[in-house]
């Protein structure tokens, strides 16, 4: 069975169909977290813009912040 092991994070991807495996590898490469517990973000913001873009929806109905800071 074809497989792939990511050099950055060590995750193993495998699939019987080689075309499907290529798609899975492509998706993994786009979203690879690197090493565990490493800081990462799929939405890159600089330190000057950490406040929510929509303050009215920054908290849920229980007034708990939705985004981790």
N, C-alpha and C. Protein backbone atom coordinates (compact mmCIF):
# COMPACT_ATOMS: atom_id res chain seq x y z
N UNK A 1 0.85 -1.17 0.00
CA UNK A 1 0.00 0.00 0.00
C UNK A 1 0.90 1.24 0.00
N UNK A 2 0.68 2.17 -0.93
CA UNK A 2 1.51 3.39 -0.97
C UNK A 2 1.34 4.22 0.29
N UNK A 3 2.43 4.79 0.76
CA UNK A 3 2.37 5.62 1.95
C UNK A 3 3.35 6.79 1.84
N UNK A 4 3.16 7.75 2.73
CA UNK A 4 3.99 8.96 2.80
C UNK A 4 4.16 9.30 4.27
N UNK A 5 5.38 9.63 4.66
CA UNK A 5 5.65 10.09 6.03
C UNK A 5 6.22 11.49 5.93
N UNK A 6 5.55 12.44 6.57
CA UNK A 6 5.96 13.84 6.53
C UNK A 6 7.26 14.02 7.31
N UNK A 7 8.22 14.70 6.70
CA UNK A 7 9.50 14.94 7.37
C UNK A 7 9.38 15.99 8.47
N UNK A 8 8.43 16.92 8.34
CA UNK A 8 8.28 18.00 9.31
C UNK A 8 7.59 17.54 10.59
N UNK A 9 6.48 16.78 10.46
CA UNK A 9 5.70 16.44 11.66
C UNK A 9 5.68 14.95 11.95
N UNK A 10 6.09 14.12 11.01
CA UNK A 10 6.13 12.68 11.23
C UNK A 10 4.82 11.96 10.97
N UNK A 11 3.78 12.68 10.52
CA UNK A 11 2.49 12.06 10.26
C UNK A 11 2.60 11.12 9.06
N UNK A 12 1.95 9.99 9.18
CA UNK A 12 1.95 8.97 8.12
C UNK A 12 0.63 9.02 7.37
N UNK A 13 0.69 9.21 6.07
CA UNK A 13 -0.48 9.18 5.21
C UNK A 13 -0.37 7.93 4.34
N UNK A 14 -1.48 7.22 4.19
CA UNK A 14 -1.47 6.04 3.32
C UNK A 14 -2.85 5.86 2.71
N UNK A 15 -2.87 5.23 1.53
CA UNK A 15 -4.14 4.95 0.86
C UNK A 15 -3.89 3.92 -0.23
N UNK A 16 -4.89 3.10 -0.49
CA UNK A 16 -4.77 2.08 -1.52
C UNK A 16 -4.64 2.70 -2.91
N UNK A 17 -5.38 3.79 -3.14
CA UNK A 17 -5.38 4.45 -4.43
C UNK A 17 -4.29 5.51 -4.45
N UNK A 18 -3.36 5.40 -5.37
CA UNK A 18 -2.22 6.32 -5.42
C UNK A 18 -2.64 7.76 -5.73
N UNK A 19 -3.65 7.93 -6.57
CA UNK A 19 -4.13 9.29 -6.89
C UNK A 19 -4.73 9.95 -5.65
N UNK A 20 -5.49 9.19 -4.88
CA UNK A 20 -6.07 9.73 -3.65
C UNK A 20 -4.97 10.07 -2.65
N UNK A 21 -3.93 9.26 -2.59
CA UNK A 21 -2.80 9.54 -1.69
C UNK A 21 -2.12 10.84 -2.10
N UNK A 22 -1.96 11.07 -3.38
CA UNK A 22 -1.33 12.32 -3.85
C UNK A 22 -2.15 13.53 -3.41
N UNK A 23 -3.47 13.42 -3.47
CA UNK A 23 -4.34 14.51 -3.02
C UNK A 23 -4.19 14.71 -1.51
N UNK A 24 -4.16 13.62 -0.76
CA UNK A 24 -4.00 13.71 0.70
C UNK A 24 -2.66 14.34 1.07
N UNK A 25 -1.62 14.00 0.33
CA UNK A 25 -0.29 14.58 0.58
C UNK A 25 -0.31 16.08 0.29
N UNK A 26 -0.95 16.46 -0.81
CA UNK A 26 -1.04 17.87 -1.17
C UNK A 26 -1.76 18.66 -0.08
N UNK A 27 -2.88 18.14 0.40
CA UNK A 27 -3.63 18.82 1.47
C UNK A 27 -2.79 18.88 2.74
N UNK A 28 -2.13 17.79 3.08
CA UNK A 28 -1.29 17.76 4.28
C UNK A 28 -0.16 18.80 4.18
N UNK A 29 0.46 18.90 3.03
CA UNK A 29 1.56 19.86 2.86
C UNK A 29 1.08 21.29 3.02
N UNK A 30 -0.16 21.57 2.66
CA UNK A 30 -0.69 22.92 2.81
C UNK A 30 -1.01 23.26 4.27
N UNK A 31 -1.37 22.25 5.06
CA UNK A 31 -1.81 22.49 6.43
C UNK A 31 -0.94 21.82 7.49
N UNK A 32 0.25 21.41 7.14
CA UNK A 32 1.14 20.72 8.09
C UNK A 32 1.47 21.65 9.25
N UNK A 33 1.33 21.15 10.46
CA UNK A 33 1.58 21.94 11.67
C UNK A 33 3.05 21.94 12.06
N UNK A 34 3.85 21.14 11.45
CA UNK A 34 5.24 21.02 11.89
C UNK A 34 5.27 20.19 13.16
N UNK A 35 6.16 20.51 14.05
CA UNK A 35 6.27 19.76 15.30
C UNK A 35 5.11 20.11 16.22
N UNK A 36 4.68 19.14 17.03
CA UNK A 36 3.60 19.39 17.98
C UNK A 36 4.02 20.44 18.99
N UNK A 37 3.04 21.18 19.50
CA UNK A 37 3.22 22.27 20.47
C UNK A 37 4.00 23.45 19.90
N UNK A 38 4.18 23.47 18.59
CA UNK A 38 4.83 24.60 17.95
C UNK A 38 3.77 25.63 17.60
N UNK A 39 4.07 26.89 17.76
CA UNK A 39 3.11 27.93 17.43
C UNK A 39 2.81 27.87 15.94
N UNK A 40 1.54 27.94 15.59
CA UNK A 40 1.15 27.90 14.19
C UNK A 40 -0.19 28.61 14.03
N UNK A 41 -0.46 29.02 12.85
CA UNK A 41 -1.72 29.66 12.56
C UNK A 41 -1.98 29.56 11.07
N UNK A 42 -3.24 29.30 10.72
CA UNK A 42 -3.60 29.28 9.31
C UNK A 42 -4.06 30.67 8.88
N UNK A 43 -4.36 31.53 9.84
CA UNK A 43 -4.66 32.93 9.55
C UNK A 43 -3.53 33.74 10.16
N UNK A 44 -2.69 34.28 9.34
CA UNK A 44 -1.53 34.99 9.84
C UNK A 44 -1.89 36.44 10.13
N UNK A 45 -1.70 36.83 11.38
CA UNK A 45 -1.90 38.22 11.79
C UNK A 45 -0.63 38.70 12.46
N UNK A 46 -0.32 39.94 12.25
CA UNK A 46 0.83 40.47 12.95
C UNK A 46 0.42 40.91 14.36
N UNK A 47 1.39 41.15 15.20
CA UNK A 47 1.12 41.46 16.61
C UNK A 47 0.34 42.76 16.79
N UNK A 48 0.38 43.64 15.83
CA UNK A 48 -0.31 44.92 15.94
C UNK A 48 -1.82 44.78 15.70
N UNK A 49 -2.27 43.64 15.19
CA UNK A 49 -3.68 43.47 14.85
C UNK A 49 -4.27 42.21 15.49
N UNK A 50 -4.14 42.10 16.79
CA UNK A 50 -4.64 40.91 17.48
C UNK A 50 -6.09 41.05 17.95
N UNK A 51 -6.63 42.25 17.91
CA UNK A 51 -8.02 42.44 18.32
C UNK A 51 -8.96 41.85 17.28
N UNK A 52 -10.13 41.35 17.71
CA UNK A 52 -11.09 40.78 16.75
C UNK A 52 -11.52 41.81 15.72
N UNK A 53 -11.74 41.37 14.49
CA UNK A 53 -12.16 42.28 13.43
C UNK A 53 -13.62 42.69 13.60
N UNK A 54 -14.40 41.87 14.29
CA UNK A 54 -15.80 42.15 14.50
C UNK A 54 -16.08 42.09 16.01
N UNK A 55 -15.92 43.20 16.73
CA UNK A 55 -16.05 43.17 18.19
C UNK A 55 -17.42 42.70 18.68
N UNK A 56 -18.46 42.89 17.89
CA UNK A 56 -19.80 42.46 18.32
C UNK A 56 -19.91 40.95 18.42
N UNK A 57 -19.11 40.24 17.62
CA UNK A 57 -19.17 38.77 17.64
C UNK A 57 -17.90 38.15 18.21
N UNK A 58 -17.14 38.91 18.99
CA UNK A 58 -15.90 38.39 19.56
C UNK A 58 -16.16 37.36 20.66
N UNK A 59 -17.33 37.45 21.31
CA UNK A 59 -17.69 36.51 22.38
C UNK A 59 -18.94 35.75 21.98
N UNK A 60 -19.09 34.54 22.54
CA UNK A 60 -20.29 33.76 22.25
C UNK A 60 -21.44 34.23 23.16
N UNK A 61 -22.55 33.50 23.12
CA UNK A 61 -23.73 33.92 23.90
C UNK A 61 -23.50 33.89 25.41
N UNK A 62 -22.49 33.16 25.88
CA UNK A 62 -22.17 33.11 27.31
C UNK A 62 -21.05 34.09 27.66
N UNK A 63 -20.74 35.00 26.73
CA UNK A 63 -19.70 36.02 26.90
C UNK A 63 -18.30 35.41 27.07
N UNK A 64 -18.08 34.27 26.42
CA UNK A 64 -16.78 33.61 26.42
C UNK A 64 -16.10 33.95 25.09
N UNK A 65 -14.83 34.41 25.11
CA UNK A 65 -14.17 34.74 23.85
C UNK A 65 -14.11 33.52 22.91
N UNK A 66 -14.41 33.76 21.64
CA UNK A 66 -14.42 32.68 20.66
C UNK A 66 -13.01 32.33 20.22
N UNK A 67 -12.18 33.33 20.01
CA UNK A 67 -10.81 33.09 19.55
C UNK A 67 -9.85 33.07 20.72
N UNK A 68 -8.88 32.16 20.67
CA UNK A 68 -7.83 32.14 21.68
C UNK A 68 -6.82 33.22 21.34
N UNK A 69 -6.34 33.91 22.35
CA UNK A 69 -5.34 34.96 22.12
C UNK A 69 -4.00 34.51 22.60
